């Protein structure tokens, strides 16, 4: 994860700091997206209109929060951080709450996805632009 106070380019009016407020918004969006994913899984097990409405409302709220993060910190940083955090958190819930399992090949894919997002997110800080 990018440390607080790091500069990121691509934000609305140039370079902005990834600060504590941004981390809070990222955390809130992650919780909302995890609730949405859990509601979606629940809907697949017992589909009802109200569960579907809840899924849509939660995903919409999460995306509205992400729009704020994209505006403040840039699309690349906001979506990359959100993507890797959600990838890990959703799988923890899938395994621990819903009893899902992955094959060794799928586990390797998840690991490579985390490494890929980490490299994309951190790459600009280790190379000249």
C-alpha atoms as a PDB file:
ATOM      1  CA  UNK A   1       0.000   0.000   0.000  1.00  0.00           C
ATOM      2  CA  UNK A   2       1.160   3.537  -0.653  1.00  0.00           C
ATOM      3  CA  UNK A   3       2.301   5.226   2.559  1.00  0.00           C
ATOM      4  CA  UNK A   4       0.391   8.261   3.738  1.00  0.00           C
ATOM      5  CA  UNK A   5       1.793  11.491   2.379  1.00  0.00           C
ATOM      6  CA  UNK A   6       3.109  10.008  -0.902  1.00  0.00           C
ATOM      7  CA  UNK A   7       2.507  12.070  -3.995  1.00  0.00           C
ATOM      8  CA  UNK A   8       0.462  10.557  -6.767  1.00  0.00           C
ATOM      9  CA  UNK A   9      -0.108  12.099 -10.160  1.00  0.00           C
ATOM     10  CA  UNK A  10      -3.267  11.957 -12.179  1.00  0.00           C
ATOM     11  CA  UNK A  11      -5.570  13.480  -9.610  1.00  0.00           C
ATOM     12  CA  UNK A  12      -8.022  16.160 -10.647  1.00  0.00           C
ATOM     13  CA  UNK A  13      -5.785  19.234 -10.355  1.00  0.00           C
ATOM     14  CA  UNK A  14      -2.344  17.654 -10.547  1.00  0.00           C
ATOM     15  CA  UNK A  15      -0.399  15.886  -7.851  1.00  0.00           C
ATOM     16  CA  UNK A  16      -2.239  15.162  -4.586  1.00  0.00           C
ATOM     17  CA  UNK A  17      -1.312  13.491  -1.333  1.00  0.00           C
ATOM     18  CA  UNK A  18      -2.690  10.076  -0.432  1.00  0.00           C
ATOM     19  CA  UNK A  19      -3.713  11.065   3.083  1.00  0.00           C
ATOM     20  CA  UNK A  20      -5.621   9.692   6.044  1.00  0.00           C
ATOM     21  CA  UNK A  21      -8.952  10.888   4.620  1.00  0.00           C
ATOM     22  CA  UNK A  22      -8.233   8.968   1.415  1.00  0.00           C
ATOM     23  CA  UNK A  23      -7.393   5.861   3.424  1.00  0.00           C
ATOM     24  CA  UNK A  24     -10.692   6.222   5.291  1.00  0.00           C
ATOM     25  CA  UNK A  25     -12.641   6.502   2.013  1.00  0.00           C
ATOM     26  CA  UNK A  26     -10.758   3.482   0.664  1.00  0.00           C
ATOM     27  CA  UNK A  27     -11.637   1.529   3.806  1.00  0.00           C
ATOM     28  CA  UNK A  28     -15.295   2.531   3.599  1.00  0.00           C
ATOM     29  CA  UNK A  29     -15.500   1.572  -0.075  1.00  0.00           C
ATOM     30  CA  UNK A  30     -13.899  -1.777   0.712  1.00  0.00           C
ATOM     31  CA  UNK A  31     -16.436  -2.506   3.460  1.00  0.00           C
ATOM     32  CA  UNK A  32     -19.299  -1.497   1.154  1.00  0.00           C
ATOM     33  CA  UNK A  33     -17.982  -3.670  -1.703  1.00  0.00           C
ATOM     34  CA  UNK A  34     -17.496  -6.616   0.674  1.00  0.00           C
ATOM     35  CA  UNK A  35     -21.083  -6.222   1.870  1.00  0.00           C
ATOM     36  CA  UNK A  36     -22.200  -6.054  -1.769  1.00  0.00           C
ATOM     37  CA  UNK A  37     -20.257  -9.205  -2.680  1.00  0.00           C
ATOM     38  CA  UNK A  38     -21.678 -11.055   0.332  1.00  0.00           C
ATOM     39  CA  UNK A  39     -25.200  -9.914  -0.560  1.00  0.00           C
ATOM     40  CA  UNK A  40     -24.618 -11.053  -4.147  1.00  0.00           C
ATOM     41  CA  UNK A  41     -23.565 -14.507  -2.948  1.00  0.00           C
ATOM     42  CA  UNK A  42     -26.608 -14.608  -0.676  1.00  0.00           C
ATOM     43  CA  UNK A  43     -28.820 -13.664  -3.641  1.00  0.00           C
ATOM     44  CA  UNK A  44     -27.379 -16.537  -5.699  1.00  0.00           C
ATOM     45  CA  UNK A  45     -28.291 -18.969  -2.925  1.00  0.00           C
ATOM     46  CA  UNK A  46     -31.807 -17.573  -2.423  1.00  0.00           C
ATOM     47  CA  UNK A  47     -32.811 -15.073  -5.138  1.00  0.00           C
ATOM     48  CA  UNK A  48     -35.385 -12.498  -4.111  1.00  0.00           C
ATOM     49  CA  UNK A  49     -36.154  -9.008  -5.402  1.00  0.00           C
ATOM     50  CA  UNK A  50     -35.117  -7.374  -2.118  1.00  0.00           C
ATOM     51  CA  UNK A  51     -31.732  -9.092  -2.067  1.00  0.00           C
ATOM     52  CA  UNK A  52     -31.137  -8.002  -5.641  1.00  0.00           C
ATOM     53  CA  UNK A  53     -32.128  -4.432  -4.753  1.00  0.00           C
ATOM     54  CA  UNK A  54     -29.692  -4.526  -1.815  1.00  0.00           C
ATOM     55  CA  UNK A  55     -26.877  -5.795  -4.070  1.00  0.00           C
ATOM     56  CA  UNK A  56     -27.491  -3.016  -6.597  1.00  0.00           C
ATOM     57  CA  UNK A  57     -27.710  -0.335  -3.902  1.00  0.00           C
ATOM     58  CA  UNK A  58     -24.472  -1.462  -2.227  1.00  0.00           C
ATOM     59  CA  UNK A  59     -22.522  -1.648  -5.493  1.00  0.00           C
ATOM     60  CA  UNK A  60     -23.859   1.781  -6.484  1.00  0.00           C
ATOM     61  CA  UNK A  61     -22.776   3.272  -3.150  1.00  0.00           C
ATOM     62  CA  UNK A  62     -19.336   1.694  -3.458  1.00  0.00           C
ATOM     63  CA  UNK A  63     -18.910   3.105  -6.952  1.00  0.00           C
ATOM     64  CA  UNK A  64     -19.935   6.584  -5.800  1.00  0.00           C
ATOM     65  CA  UNK A  65     -17.234   6.436  -3.135  1.00  0.00           C
ATOM     66  CA  UNK A  66     -14.736   5.243  -5.752  1.00  0.00           C
ATOM     67  CA  UNK A  67     -15.586   8.240  -7.941  1.00  0.00           C
ATOM     68  CA  UNK A  68     -14.476  10.478  -5.078  1.00  0.00           C
ATOM     69  CA  UNK A  69     -11.217   8.555  -4.742  1.00  0.00           C
ATOM     70  CA  UNK A  70     -10.586   8.679  -8.493  1.00  0.00           C
ATOM     71  CA  UNK A  71     -11.156  12.427  -8.518  1.00  0.00           C
ATOM     72  CA  UNK A  72      -8.899  13.008  -5.529  1.00  0.00           C
ATOM     73  CA  UNK A  73      -6.015  10.609  -6.250  1.00  0.00           C
ATOM     74  CA  UNK A  74      -6.228   9.580  -9.885  1.00  0.00           C
ATOM     75  CA  UNK A  75      -7.740   6.566 -11.561  1.00  0.00           C
ATOM     76  CA  UNK A  76      -4.635   4.359 -11.516  1.00  0.00           C
ATOM     77  CA  UNK A  77      -3.851   4.699  -7.831  1.00  0.00           C
ATOM     78  CA  UNK A  78      -7.454   4.571  -6.605  1.00  0.00           C
ATOM     79  CA  UNK A  79      -8.526   1.558  -8.666  1.00  0.00           C
ATOM     80  CA  UNK A  80      -5.277  -0.360  -8.170  1.00  0.00           C
ATOM     81  CA  UNK A  81      -5.356  -0.013  -4.391  1.00  0.00           C
ATOM     82  CA  UNK A  82      -9.048  -0.814  -4.255  1.00  0.00           C
ATOM     83  CA  UNK A  83      -8.587  -3.797  -6.557  1.00  0.00           C
ATOM     84  CA  UNK A  84      -5.881  -5.515  -4.549  1.00  0.00           C
ATOM     85  CA  UNK A  85      -7.559  -4.850  -1.192  1.00  0.00           C
ATOM     86  CA  UNK A  86     -10.890  -6.183  -2.472  1.00  0.00           C
ATOM     87  CA  UNK A  87      -9.228  -9.176  -4.133  1.00  0.00           C
ATOM     88  CA  UNK A  88      -7.775 -10.266  -0.817  1.00  0.00           C
ATOM     89  CA  UNK A  89     -10.769  -9.376   1.352  1.00  0.00           C
ATOM     90  CA  UNK A  90     -13.387 -10.971  -0.903  1.00  0.00           C
ATOM     91  CA  UNK A  91     -11.429 -14.211  -0.999  1.00  0.00           C
ATOM     92  CA  UNK A  92     -11.091 -14.265   2.788  1.00  0.00           C
ATOM     93  CA  UNK A  93     -14.882 -13.954   3.036  1.00  0.00           C
ATOM     94  CA  UNK A  94     -15.478 -16.522   0.273  1.00  0.00           C
ATOM     95  CA  UNK A  95     -13.255 -19.048   2.034  1.00  0.00           C
ATOM     96  CA  UNK A  96     -14.167 -18.392   5.666  1.00  0.00           C
ATOM     97  CA  UNK A  97     -17.880 -17.528   5.448  1.00  0.00           C
ATOM     98  CA  UNK A  98     -19.114 -19.349   2.353  1.00  0.00           C
ATOM     99  CA  UNK A  99     -16.741 -22.327   2.488  1.00  0.00           C
ATOM    100  CA  UNK A 100     -15.457 -21.861  -1.054  1.00  0.00           C
ATOM    101  CA  UNK A 101     -12.164 -23.457  -2.082  1.00  0.00           C
ATOM    102  CA  UNK A 102      -9.707 -22.836  -4.890  1.00  0.00           C
ATOM    103  CA  UNK A 103      -7.480 -25.220  -6.764  1.00  0.00           C
ATOM    104  CA  UNK A 104      -3.714 -24.853  -6.673  1.00  0.00           C
ATOM    105  CA  UNK A 105      -3.819 -23.232 -10.124  1.00  0.00           C
ATOM    106  CA  UNK A 106      -6.476 -20.724  -9.013  1.00  0.00           C
ATOM    107  CA  UNK A 107      -4.454 -19.966  -5.866  1.00  0.00           C
ATOM    108  CA  UNK A 108      -1.396 -19.303  -7.999  1.00  0.00           C
ATOM    109  CA  UNK A 109      -3.501 -16.984 -10.159  1.00  0.00           C
ATOM    110  CA  UNK A 110      -4.710 -15.063  -7.105  1.00  0.00           C
ATOM    111  CA  UNK A 111      -1.134 -14.734  -5.864  1.00  0.00           C
ATOM    112  CA  UNK A 112       0.074 -13.490  -9.247  1.00  0.00           C
ATOM    113  CA  UNK A 113      -2.824 -11.016  -9.388  1.00  0.00           C
ATOM    114  CA  UNK A 114      -1.777  -9.532  -6.041  1.00  0.00           C
ATOM    115  CA  UNK A 115       1.849  -9.293  -7.209  1.00  0.00           C
ATOM    116  CA  UNK A 116       0.753  -7.702 -10.507  1.00  0.00           C
ATOM    117  CA  UNK A 117      -1.354  -5.031  -8.843  1.00  0.00           C
ATOM    118  CA  UNK A 118       1.413  -4.328  -6.330  1.00  0.00           C
ATOM    119  CA  UNK A 119       3.919  -3.849  -9.160  1.00  0.00           C
ATOM    120  CA  UNK A 120       1.544  -1.598 -11.100  1.00  0.00           C
ATOM    121  CA  UNK A 121       0.765   0.486  -8.038  1.00  0.00           C
ATOM    122  CA  UNK A 122       4.301   0.807  -6.744  1.00  0.00           C
ATOM    123  CA  UNK A 123       6.158   0.816 -10.076  1.00  0.00           C
ATOM    124  CA  UNK A 124       6.056   4.581 -10.665  1.00  0.00           C
ATOM    125  CA  UNK A 125       7.735   5.162  -7.306  1.00  0.00           C
ATOM    126  CA  UNK A 126      10.758   3.069  -8.275  1.00  0.00           C
ATOM    127  CA  UNK A 127      11.250   4.282 -11.853  1.00  0.00           C
ATOM    128  CA  UNK A 128      11.639   7.691 -13.448  1.00  0.00           C
ATOM    129  CA  UNK A 129       8.704   8.922 -15.480  1.00  0.00           C
END
